[in-house]
Amino acid sequence: MRYISTRGHAAPQAFCDILLGGLAPDGGLYLPESYPKITRLELDAWRKLSYADLAYEILSKFITDIPPADLKALVAKTYTAQVYRHTRNGGDAAQITPLTKLEDGLYTQELSNGPTLAFKDMAMQLLGNLFEYVLDMRGQSINILGATSGDTGSAAEPVSPEVAPRMLIAWPRFSSTYSKRLPSSCMAMSLKASVGPLDSSSR
């Protein structure tokens, strides 16, 4: 699986390359060069899988430059009841995103049971593990620059200081509440907080 830029002026890249690169060199976003086809048999089999196993089956269609056993281990390490333990209403943490029935045909799904209580934990916990794996394999480290009006900063914190020794998260000066800024500003020394206008923090 290779990825191309939405602007069409960047060479196709493998997943691990775009993982570390962020935006394409031409300023576009990356998307798959082609999309995998999922058969009815696969869909039926997926219905019986745990969250981690289902995540692996889907991700393995799009991440082909990490050995399958390693990718499966990274996903299994990420989506555990211990990581997503902050359930509500007696939810089963082992389900990762448990459903609560409100009435016949109406359910709510919990997406904010991770370490920072933000729905972004669903992706950021895995992203941190992928960063660590790829950078360790390449013997590299990176700097991370992020901008948020909410809780992305604290959700990004799991990335190890060894692989991301400098992390800068910017917030809009007048559009972010104290309660949203506080988690990030109290976290690891690798995470620094910067406050600026909304426009400049999101560029």
Protein backbone atom coordinates (compact mmCIF):
# COMPACT_ATOMS: atom_id res chain seq x y z
CA MET A 1 0.00 0.00 0.00
CA ARG A 2 1.34 3.40 -1.03
CA TYR A 3 -0.03 6.87 -0.41
CA ILE A 4 -0.37 9.87 -2.72
CA SER A 5 -1.00 13.56 -2.10
CA THR A 6 -4.40 15.15 -2.65
CA ARG A 7 -2.57 17.84 -4.64
CA GLY A 8 -0.97 15.30 -6.95
CA HIS A 9 2.59 16.66 -6.91
CA ALA A 10 4.35 14.32 -4.48
CA ALA A 11 5.86 10.89 -5.11
CA PRO A 12 3.92 7.92 -3.69
CA GLN A 13 5.10 6.98 -0.19
CA ALA A 14 4.80 3.96 2.10
CA PHE A 15 2.88 4.26 5.36
CA CYS A 16 5.90 4.59 7.65
CA ASP A 17 7.24 7.46 5.56
CA ILE A 18 4.00 9.45 5.67
CA LEU A 19 3.61 8.64 9.37
CA LEU A 20 6.77 10.60 10.12
CA GLY A 21 6.32 13.19 7.39
CA GLY A 22 2.88 14.59 8.19
CA LEU A 23 1.73 16.73 5.26
CA ALA A 24 2.95 15.86 1.78
CA PRO A 25 5.81 18.04 0.43
CA ASP A 26 3.34 19.80 -1.89
CA GLY A 27 1.13 20.75 1.08
CA GLY A 28 -1.52 18.14 0.40
CA LEU A 29 -2.94 15.39 2.58
CA TYR A 30 -2.02 11.78 1.95
CA LEU A 31 -4.59 9.22 0.88
CA PRO A 32 -4.25 5.63 -0.33
CA GLU A 33 -3.21 5.13 -3.94
CA SER A 34 -6.00 2.53 -4.12
CA TYR A 35 -8.53 1.21 -1.64
CA PRO A 36 -8.64 -2.45 -0.59
CA LYS A 37 -11.78 -4.42 -1.33
CA ILE A 38 -13.43 -6.11 1.64
CA THR A 39 -15.41 -9.25 0.89
CA ARG A 40 -18.69 -10.25 2.50
CA LEU A 41 -16.91 -13.23 4.09
CA GLU A 42 -14.41 -10.89 5.72
CA LEU A 43 -17.13 -8.58 7.00
CA ASP A 44 -19.03 -11.49 8.49
CA ALA A 45 -15.87 -12.78 10.18
CA TRP A 46 -15.01 -9.32 11.52
CA ARG A 47 -18.31 -9.08 13.39
CA LYS A 48 -17.05 -11.66 15.87
CA LEU A 49 -13.67 -10.05 16.59
CA SER A 50 -12.53 -8.10 19.62
CA TYR A 51 -11.83 -4.39 19.16
CA ALA A 52 -8.06 -4.93 18.95
CA ASP A 53 -8.37 -7.81 16.47
CA LEU A 54 -10.80 -5.84 14.32
CA ALA A 55 -8.50 -2.81 14.38
CA TYR A 56 -5.61 -4.99 13.26
CA GLU A 57 -7.58 -6.51 10.37
CA ILE A 58 -8.52 -3.04 9.09
CA LEU A 59 -5.12 -1.44 9.67
CA SER A 60 -3.29 -4.32 8.01
CA LYS A 61 -5.07 -3.42 4.77
CA PHE A 62 -3.47 0.03 4.86
CA ILE A 63 -0.15 -0.60 6.63
CA THR A 64 1.88 -3.07 4.60
CA ASP A 65 5.41 -1.95 5.45
CA ILE A 66 5.29 -3.08 9.10
CA PRO A 67 5.57 -6.88 9.52
CA PRO A 68 2.13 -8.33 10.35
CA ALA A 69 3.26 -9.80 13.67
CA ASP A 70 4.73 -6.47 14.76
CA LEU A 71 1.63 -4.53 13.73
CA LYS A 72 -0.61 -6.98 15.55
CA ALA A 73 1.51 -6.59 18.70
CA LEU A 74 1.35 -2.78 18.49
CA VAL A 75 -2.43 -2.84 18.16
CA ALA A 76 -2.79 -5.37 20.99
CA LYS A 77 -0.57 -3.19 23.20
CA THR A 78 -2.72 -0.16 22.46
CA TYR A 79 -6.29 -1.36 22.78
CA THR A 80 -6.44 -2.92 26.23
CA ALA A 81 -8.89 -2.69 29.12
CA GLN A 82 -6.12 -1.13 31.22
CA VAL A 83 -5.57 1.73 28.76
CA TYR A 84 -9.30 2.34 28.20
CA ARG A 85 -10.42 1.72 31.75
CA HIS A 86 -12.43 4.89 32.44
CA THR A 87 -15.83 3.41 31.62
CA ARG A 88 -19.22 4.78 32.60
CA ASN A 89 -22.50 3.18 33.53
CA GLY A 90 -20.79 -0.09 34.42
CA GLY A 91 -19.38 -0.53 30.91
CA ASP A 92 -17.00 -3.38 30.15
CA ALA A 93 -13.53 -1.86 29.62
CA ALA A 94 -12.45 -4.95 27.67
CA GLN A 95 -14.81 -3.85 24.89
CA ILE A 96 -12.73 -0.64 24.53
CA THR A 97 -15.77 1.30 23.19
CA PRO A 98 -18.69 -0.25 25.09
CA LEU A 99 -22.30 0.40 24.14
CA THR A 100 -24.97 1.51 26.58
CA LYS A 101 -28.58 0.81 25.68
CA LEU A 102 -30.87 3.79 26.25
CA GLU A 103 -33.97 2.20 24.78
CA ASP A 104 -34.87 -0.27 22.03
CA GLY A 105 -32.89 0.67 18.95
CA LEU A 106 -31.02 3.53 20.67
CA TYR A 107 -27.50 3.19 22.11
CA THR A 108 -24.60 5.40 23.10
CA GLN A 109 -21.01 4.40 22.42
CA GLU A 110 -18.19 5.39 24.76
CA LEU A 111 -15.21 6.84 22.88
CA SER A 112 -13.57 8.77 25.72
CA ASN A 113 -12.44 6.07 28.14
CA GLY A 114 -8.72 6.49 27.47
CA PRO A 115 -6.02 8.11 29.63
CA THR A 116 -6.99 11.72 28.82
CA LEU A 117 -10.77 11.13 28.66
CA ALA A 118 -10.75 12.54 25.12
CA PHE A 119 -12.08 10.74 22.05
CA LYS A 120 -8.72 11.50 20.43
CA ASP A 121 -7.21 8.75 22.61
CA MET A 122 -8.73 6.24 20.18
CA ALA A 123 -6.18 7.30 17.54
CA MET A 124 -3.44 9.03 19.53
CA GLN A 125 -2.63 6.06 21.74
CA LEU A 126 -1.94 3.96 18.65
CA LEU A 127 -0.13 6.81 16.91
CA GLY A 128 2.29 7.12 19.82
CA ASN A 129 3.10 3.41 19.68
CA LEU A 130 3.56 3.56 15.90
CA PHE A 131 5.91 6.55 16.24
CA GLU A 132 8.01 4.74 18.82
CA TYR A 133 8.19 1.56 16.75
CA VAL A 134 9.16 3.21 13.45
CA LEU A 135 11.64 5.65 14.99
CA ASP A 136 13.28 2.87 17.01
CA MET A 137 13.62 0.72 13.87
CA ARG A 138 15.24 3.65 12.06
CA GLY A 139 17.32 4.87 15.00
CA GLN A 140 15.77 8.34 14.71
CA SER A 141 13.97 10.90 16.85
CA ILE A 142 11.57 13.68 15.87
CA ASN A 143 10.21 16.99 17.13
CA ILE A 144 6.43 17.29 17.33
CA LEU A 145 4.57 20.56 16.71
CA GLY A 146 0.83 20.57 17.31
CA ALA A 147 -2.00 23.08 17.54
CA THR A 148 -5.30 22.56 19.31
CA SER A 149 -8.24 24.36 20.86
CA GLY A 150 -8.99 21.41 23.11
CA ASP A 151 -7.44 18.18 24.33
CA THR A 152 -5.18 17.05 21.48
CA GLY A 153 -2.08 18.15 23.39
CA SER A 154 -2.61 15.86 26.34
CA ALA A 155 -3.74 13.02 24.06
CA ALA A 156 -0.38 13.31 22.25
CA GLU A 157 1.64 13.03 25.46
CA PRO A 158 2.10 9.21 25.36
CA VAL A 159 4.76 9.64 22.66
CA SER A 160 8.00 8.80 24.45
CA PRO A 161 10.46 11.66 25.19
CA GLU A 162 13.19 9.38 23.82
CA VAL A 163 11.70 9.46 20.31
CA ALA A 164 10.17 12.96 20.52
CA PRO A 165 12.53 14.95 22.79
CA ARG A 166 10.82 18.24 21.96
CA MET A 167 7.06 18.63 21.72
CA LEU A 168 5.32 21.99 21.30
CA ILE A 169 1.55 22.34 21.55
CA ALA A 170 -0.04 25.73 20.75
CA TRP A 171 -3.45 26.86 22.01
CA PRO A 172 -5.58 29.82 20.88
CA ARG A 173 -5.29 32.57 23.46
CA PHE A 174 -8.98 33.35 23.89
CA SER A 175 -10.66 30.17 22.68
CA SER A 176 -9.33 27.49 25.00
CA THR A 177 -10.54 27.02 28.56
CA TYR A 178 -8.24 26.63 31.53
CA SER A 179 -9.54 23.11 32.14
CA LYS A 180 -8.50 22.11 28.59
CA ARG A 181 -5.05 23.69 28.83
CA LEU A 182 -4.24 22.33 32.28
CA PRO A 183 -3.70 18.61 31.44
CA SER A 184 -1.11 19.36 28.77
CA SER A 185 0.71 22.02 30.76
CA CYS A 186 1.12 19.62 33.69
CA MET A 187 2.48 16.69 31.69
CA ALA A 188 5.95 15.48 30.80
CA MET A 189 8.84 17.91 30.48
CA SER A 190 9.04 17.11 26.76
CA LEU A 191 5.69 18.83 26.31
CA LYS A 192 5.80 22.64 26.24
CA ALA A 193 2.77 24.91 26.04
CA SER A 194 2.49 27.99 23.87
CA VAL A 195 -0.52 30.29 23.69
CA GLY A 196 -1.33 32.42 20.66
CA PRO A 197 -4.28 33.68 18.61
CA LEU A 198 -6.61 31.08 17.15
CA ASP A 199 -5.43 31.65 13.57
CA SER A 200 -1.74 31.37 14.35
CA SER A 201 -2.13 28.30 16.58
CA SER A 202 -3.79 26.29 13.82
CA ARG A 203 -1.44 27.14 10.96
